[in-house]
PDB file of N, CA and C in Angstrom:
ATOM      1  N   THR A   1      -1.008  22.859 -16.399  1.00  0.00           N
ATOM      2  CA  THR A   1      -1.025  24.109 -15.668  1.00  0.00           C
ATOM      3  C   THR A   1      -1.412  25.255 -16.595  1.00  0.00           C
ATOM      4  N   LEU A   2      -1.698  26.391 -16.006  1.00  0.00           N
ATOM      5  CA  LEU A   2      -2.124  27.555 -16.784  1.00  0.00           C
ATOM      6  C   LEU A   2      -1.035  28.031 -17.747  1.00  0.00           C
ATOM      7  N   ASN A   3       0.230  27.881 -17.382  1.00  0.00           N
ATOM      8  CA  ASN A   3       1.319  28.298 -18.274  1.00  0.00           C
ATOM      9  C   ASN A   3       1.340  27.502 -19.569  1.00  0.00           C
ATOM     10  N   ILE A   4       0.821  26.304 -19.543  1.00  0.00           N
ATOM     11  CA  ILE A   4       0.772  25.481 -20.744  1.00  0.00           C
ATOM     12  C   ILE A   4      -0.372  25.921 -21.648  1.00  0.00           C
ATOM     13  N   VAL A   5      -1.492  26.310 -21.062  1.00  0.00           N
ATOM     14  CA  VAL A   5      -2.695  26.680 -21.807  1.00  0.00           C
ATOM     15  C   VAL A   5      -2.580  28.062 -22.432  1.00  0.00           C
ATOM     16  N   THR A   6      -2.006  29.005 -21.731  1.00  0.00           N
ATOM     17  CA  THR A   6      -1.925  30.380 -22.224  1.00  0.00           C
ATOM     18  C   THR A   6      -0.488  30.732 -22.594  1.00  0.00           C
ATOM     19  N   PRO A   7      -0.313  31.464 -23.670  1.00  0.00           N
ATOM     20  CA  PRO A   7       1.049  31.852 -24.064  1.00  0.00           C
ATOM     21  C   PRO A   7       1.613  32.915 -23.128  1.00  0.00           C
ATOM     22  N   ARG A   8       2.915  32.986 -23.060  1.00  0.00           N
ATOM     23  CA  ARG A   8       3.573  34.030 -22.269  1.00  0.00           C
ATOM     24  C   ARG A   8       3.324  35.385 -22.906  1.00  0.00           C
ATOM     25  N   VAL A   9       3.134  36.381 -22.062  1.00  0.00           N
ATOM     26  CA  VAL A   9       2.933  37.751 -22.538  1.00  0.00           C
ATOM     27  C   VAL A   9       4.303  38.406 -22.666  1.00  0.00           C
ATOM     28  N   ARG A  10       4.545  39.013 -23.803  1.00  0.00           N
ATOM     29  CA  ARG A  10       5.809  39.710 -24.048  1.00  0.00           C
ATOM     30  C   ARG A  10       5.685  41.160 -23.575  1.00  0.00           C
ATOM     31  N   PRO A  11       6.775  41.769 -23.146  1.00  0.00           N
ATOM     32  CA  PRO A  11       6.721  43.169 -22.697  1.00  0.00           C
ATOM     33  C   PRO A  11       6.131  44.111 -23.745  1.00  0.00           C
ATOM     34  N   GLU A  12       6.413  43.876 -25.016  1.00  0.00           N
ATOM     35  CA  GLU A  12       5.879  44.758 -26.057  1.00  0.00           C
ATOM     36  C   GLU A  12       4.365  44.641 -26.198  1.00  0.00           C
ATOM     37  N   ASP A  13       3.766  43.581 -25.650  1.00  0.00           N
ATOM     38  CA  ASP A  13       2.309  43.430 -25.661  1.00  0.00           C
ATOM     39  C   ASP A  13       1.642  44.275 -24.575  1.00  0.00           C
ATOM     40  N   CYS A  14       2.431  44.801 -23.652  1.00  0.00           N
ATOM     41  CA  CYS A  14       1.919  45.598 -22.527  1.00  0.00           C
ATOM     42  C   CYS A  14       2.510  47.005 -22.546  1.00  0.00           C
ATOM     43  N   SER A  15       2.687  47.569 -23.708  1.00  0.00           N
ATOM     44  CA  SER A  15       3.402  48.842 -23.839  1.00  0.00           C
ATOM     45  C   SER A  15       2.706  50.001 -23.129  1.00  0.00           C
ATOM     46  N   VAL A  16       1.380  49.995 -23.072  1.00  0.00           N
ATOM     47  CA  VAL A  16       0.665  51.097 -22.417  1.00  0.00           C
ATOM     48  C   VAL A  16       0.920  51.069 -20.910  1.00  0.00           C
ATOM     49  N   GLY A  17       0.855  49.903 -20.306  1.00  0.00           N
ATOM     50  CA  GLY A  17       1.116  49.779 -18.876  1.00  0.00           C
ATOM     51  C   GLY A  17       2.555  50.067 -18.501  1.00  0.00           C
ATOM     52  N   LEU A  18       3.466  49.921 -19.443  1.00  0.00           N
ATOM     53  CA  LEU A  18       4.881  50.174 -19.187  1.00  0.00           C
ATOM     54  C   LEU A  18       5.277  51.638 -19.353  1.00  0.00           C
ATOM     55  N   LEU A  19       4.365  52.473 -19.838  1.00  0.00           N
ATOM     56  CA  LEU A  19       4.674  53.899 -19.979  1.00  0.00           C
ATOM     57  C   LEU A  19       4.933  54.506 -18.603  1.00  0.00           C
ATOM     58  N   PRO A  20       5.939  55.356 -18.468  1.00  0.00           N
ATOM     59  CA  PRO A  20       6.257  55.962 -17.170  1.00  0.00           C
ATOM     60  C   PRO A  20       5.056  56.641 -16.502  1.00  0.00           C
ATOM     61  N   ARG A  21       4.188  57.279 -17.283  1.00  0.00           N
ATOM     62  CA  ARG A  21       3.036  57.981 -16.691  1.00  0.00           C
ATOM     63  C   ARG A  21       2.015  57.020 -16.084  1.00  0.00           C
ATOM     64  N   ASN A  22       2.097  55.723 -16.414  1.00  0.00           N
ATOM     65  CA  ASN A  22       1.143  54.745 -15.895  1.00  0.00           C
ATOM     66  C   ASN A  22       1.718  53.853 -14.796  1.00  0.00           C
ATOM     67  N   HIS A  23       2.993  53.993 -14.454  1.00  0.00           N
ATOM     68  CA  HIS A  23       3.610  53.133 -13.442  1.00  0.00           C
ATOM     69  C   HIS A  23       2.863  53.181 -12.118  1.00  0.00           C
ATOM     70  N   ASP A  24       2.447  54.354 -11.671  1.00  0.00           N
ATOM     71  CA  ASP A  24       1.757  54.480 -10.383  1.00  0.00           C
ATOM     72  C   ASP A  24       0.363  53.865 -10.401  1.00  0.00           C
ATOM     73  N   LYS A  25      -0.169  53.591 -11.568  1.00  0.00           N
ATOM     74  CA  LYS A  25      -1.514  53.025 -11.682  1.00  0.00           C
ATOM     75  C   LYS A  25      -1.499  51.496 -11.664  1.00  0.00           C
ATOM     76  N   ASN A  26      -0.311  50.908 -11.684  1.00  0.00           N
ATOM     77  CA  ASN A  26      -0.168  49.456 -11.645  1.00  0.00           C
ATOM     78  C   ASN A  26       0.127  49.010 -10.222  1.00  0.00           C
ATOM     79  N   ARG A  27      -0.583  47.999  -9.773  1.00  0.00           N
ATOM     80  CA  ARG A  27      -0.312  47.453  -8.447  1.00  0.00           C
ATOM     81  C   ARG A  27       1.084  46.836  -8.411  1.00  0.00           C
ATOM     82  N   SER A  28       1.424  46.148  -9.491  1.00  0.00           N
ATOM     83  CA  SER A  28       2.729  45.507  -9.607  1.00  0.00           C
ATOM     84  C   SER A  28       3.162  45.563 -11.065  1.00  0.00           C
ATOM     85  N   MET A  29       4.416  45.807 -11.301  1.00  0.00           N
ATOM     86  CA  MET A  29       4.919  45.809 -12.672  1.00  0.00           C
ATOM     87  C   MET A  29       5.033  44.390 -13.218  1.00  0.00           C
ATOM     88  N   ASP A  30       4.806  43.386 -12.362  1.00  0.00           N
ATOM     89  CA  ASP A  30       4.818  41.985 -12.793  1.00  0.00           C
ATOM     90  C   ASP A  30       3.472  41.544 -13.346  1.00  0.00           C
ATOM     91  N   VAL A  31       2.423  42.339 -13.111  1.00  0.00           N
ATOM     92  CA  VAL A  31       1.074  41.983 -13.564  1.00  0.00           C
ATOM     93  C   VAL A  31       0.510  43.162 -14.349  1.00  0.00           C
ATOM     94  N   LEU A  32       0.616  43.087 -15.672  1.00  0.00           N
ATOM     95  CA  LEU A  32       0.146  44.160 -16.541  1.00  0.00           C
ATOM     96  C   LEU A  32      -0.889  43.624 -17.518  1.00  0.00           C
ATOM     97  N   ALA A  33      -1.835  44.458 -17.862  1.00  0.00           N
ATOM     98  CA  ALA A  33      -2.845  44.077 -18.852  1.00  0.00           C
ATOM     99  C   ALA A  33      -2.250  44.175 -20.256  1.00  0.00           C
ATOM    100  N   VAL A  34      -2.664  43.269 -21.110  1.00  0.00           N
ATOM    101  CA  VAL A  34      -2.222  43.277 -22.505  1.00  0.00           C
ATOM    102  C   VAL A  34      -2.933  44.425 -23.224  1.00  0.00           C
ATOM    103  N   ASP A  35      -2.212  45.162 -24.048  1.00  0.00           N
ATOM    104  CA  ASP A  35      -2.753  46.341 -24.733  1.00  0.00           C
ATOM    105  C   ASP A  35      -4.065  46.060 -25.467  1.00  0.00           C
ATOM    106  N   ARG A  36      -4.154  44.939 -26.146  1.00  0.00           N
ATOM    107  CA  ARG A  36      -5.342  44.654 -26.960  1.00  0.00           C
ATOM    108  C   ARG A  36      -6.586  44.358 -26.112  1.00  0.00           C
ATOM    109  N   CYS A  37      -6.420  44.173 -24.790  1.00  0.00           N
ATOM    110  CA  CYS A  37      -7.549  43.866 -23.907  1.00  0.00           C
ATOM    111  C   CYS A  37      -7.909  45.016 -22.973  1.00  0.00           C
ATOM    112  N   LEU A  38      -7.242  46.161 -23.114  1.00  0.00           N
ATOM    113  CA  LEU A  38      -7.523  47.295 -22.229  1.00  0.00           C
ATOM    114  C   LEU A  38      -8.919  47.856 -22.489  1.00  0.00           C
ATOM    115  N   PRO A  39      -9.660  48.211 -21.432  1.00  0.00           N
ATOM    116  CA  PRO A  39     -10.961  48.857 -21.640  1.00  0.00           C
ATOM    117  C   PRO A  39     -10.772  50.292 -22.121  1.00  0.00           C
ATOM    118  N   PHE A  40     -11.715  50.770 -22.890  1.00  0.00           N
ATOM    119  CA  PHE A  40     -11.689  52.155 -23.361  1.00  0.00           C
ATOM    120  C   PHE A  40     -12.402  53.010 -22.329  1.00  0.00           C
ATOM    121  N   LEU A  41     -11.703  53.967 -21.749  1.00  0.00           N
ATOM    122  CA  LEU A  41     -12.264  54.845 -20.719  1.00  0.00           C
ATOM    123  C   LEU A  41     -12.360  56.267 -21.247  1.00  0.00           C
ATOM    124  N   ILE A  42     -13.410  56.948 -20.832  1.00  0.00           N
ATOM    125  CA  ILE A  42     -13.589  58.355 -21.183  1.00  0.00           C
ATOM    126  C   ILE A  42     -13.462  59.161 -19.900  1.00  0.00           C
ATOM    127  N   SER A  43     -12.558  60.114 -19.894  1.00  0.00           N
ATOM    128  CA  SER A  43     -12.332  60.949 -18.732  1.00  0.00           C
ATOM    129  C   SER A  43     -13.229  62.178 -18.803  1.00  0.00           C
ATOM    130  N   VAL A  44     -13.948  62.448 -17.710  1.00  0.00           N
ATOM    131  CA  VAL A  44     -14.831  63.616 -17.684  1.00  0.00           C
ATOM    132  C   VAL A  44     -14.169  64.819 -17.021  1.00  0.00           C
ATOM    133  N   ASP A  45     -13.091  64.591 -16.300  1.00  0.00           N
ATOM    134  CA  ASP A  45     -12.460  65.706 -15.590  1.00  0.00           C
ATOM    135  C   ASP A  45     -11.228  66.252 -16.300  1.00  0.00           C
ATOM    136  N   GLY A  46     -11.005  65.839 -17.537  1.00  0.00           N
ATOM    137  CA  GLY A  46      -9.900  66.373 -18.309  1.00  0.00           C
ATOM    138  C   GLY A  46      -8.550  65.741 -18.026  1.00  0.00           C
ATOM    139  N   GLU A  47      -8.519  64.633 -17.277  1.00  0.00           N
ATOM    140  CA  GLU A  47      -7.249  63.960 -17.014  1.00  0.00           C
ATOM    141  C   GLU A  47      -6.646  63.489 -18.333  1.00  0.00           C
ATOM    142  N   SER A  48      -5.337  63.572 -18.448  1.00  0.00           N
ATOM    143  CA  SER A  48      -4.684  63.293 -19.725  1.00  0.00           C
ATOM    144  C   SER A  48      -4.538  61.807 -20.038  1.00  0.00           C
ATOM    145  N   SER A  49      -4.748  60.921 -19.073  1.00  0.00           N
ATOM    146  CA  SER A  49      -4.583  59.491 -19.318  1.00  0.00           C
ATOM    147  C   SER A  49      -5.878  58.756 -19.016  1.00  0.00           C
ATOM    148  N   ASN A  50      -6.246  57.838 -19.885  1.00  0.00           N
ATOM    149  CA  ASN A  50      -7.440  57.034 -19.650  1.00  0.00           C
ATOM    150  C   ASN A  50      -7.052  55.592 -19.331  1.00  0.00           C
ATOM    151  N   TYR A  51      -5.851  55.366 -18.794  1.00  0.00           N
ATOM    152  CA  TYR A  51      -5.340  54.027 -18.501  1.00  0.00           C
ATOM    153  C   TYR A  51      -5.826  53.526 -17.154  1.00  0.00           C
ATOM    154  N   ILE A  52      -6.203  52.265 -17.109  1.00  0.00           N
ATOM    155  CA  ILE A  52      -6.473  51.545 -15.873  1.00  0.00           C
ATOM    156  C   ILE A  52      -5.895  50.151 -16.068  1.00  0.00           C
ATOM    157  N   ASN A  53      -5.300  49.590 -15.024  1.00  0.00           N
ATOM    158  CA  ASN A  53      -4.720  48.254 -15.133  1.00  0.00           C
ATOM    159  C   ASN A  53      -5.851  47.238 -15.018  1.00  0.00           C
ATOM    160  N   ALA A  54      -6.503  46.990 -16.146  1.00  0.00           N
ATOM    161  CA  ALA A  54      -7.626  46.055 -16.215  1.00  0.00           C
ATOM    162  C   ALA A  54      -7.666  45.463 -17.613  1.00  0.00           C
ATOM    163  N   ALA A  55      -8.329  44.327 -17.733  1.00  0.00           N
ATOM    164  CA  ALA A  55      -8.456  43.677 -19.039  1.00  0.00           C
ATOM    165  C   ALA A  55      -9.895  43.235 -19.240  1.00  0.00           C
ATOM    166  N   LEU A  56     -10.413  43.494 -20.424  1.00  0.00           N
ATOM    167  CA  LEU A  56     -11.749  43.022 -20.779  1.00  0.00           C
ATOM    168  C   LEU A  56     -11.671  41.542 -21.111  1.00  0.00           C
ATOM    169  N   MET A  57     -12.594  40.770 -20.570  1.00  0.00           N
ATOM    170  CA  MET A  57     -12.639  39.330 -20.831  1.00  0.00           C
ATOM    171  C   MET A  57     -13.967  39.000 -21.482  1.00  0.00           C
ATOM    172  N   ASP A  58     -13.943  38.105 -22.435  1.00  0.00           N
ATOM    173  CA  ASP A  58     -15.176  37.714 -23.120  1.00  0.00           C
ATOM    174  C   ASP A  58     -15.397  36.235 -22.977  1.00  0.00           C
TER     175      ASP A  58
END
């Protein structure tokens, strides 16, 4: 199964998604992107957060 192939993600690996300012941007707090896989976003409208619940895959 997939749980055997991939290691469990620890909460500290998803620290950006766990920030209070990003809670509303997550569909579910059970499914968070790992910090090291977050895409880098540039905000053009001056918004203070560039977080999106997404992960870059290679």
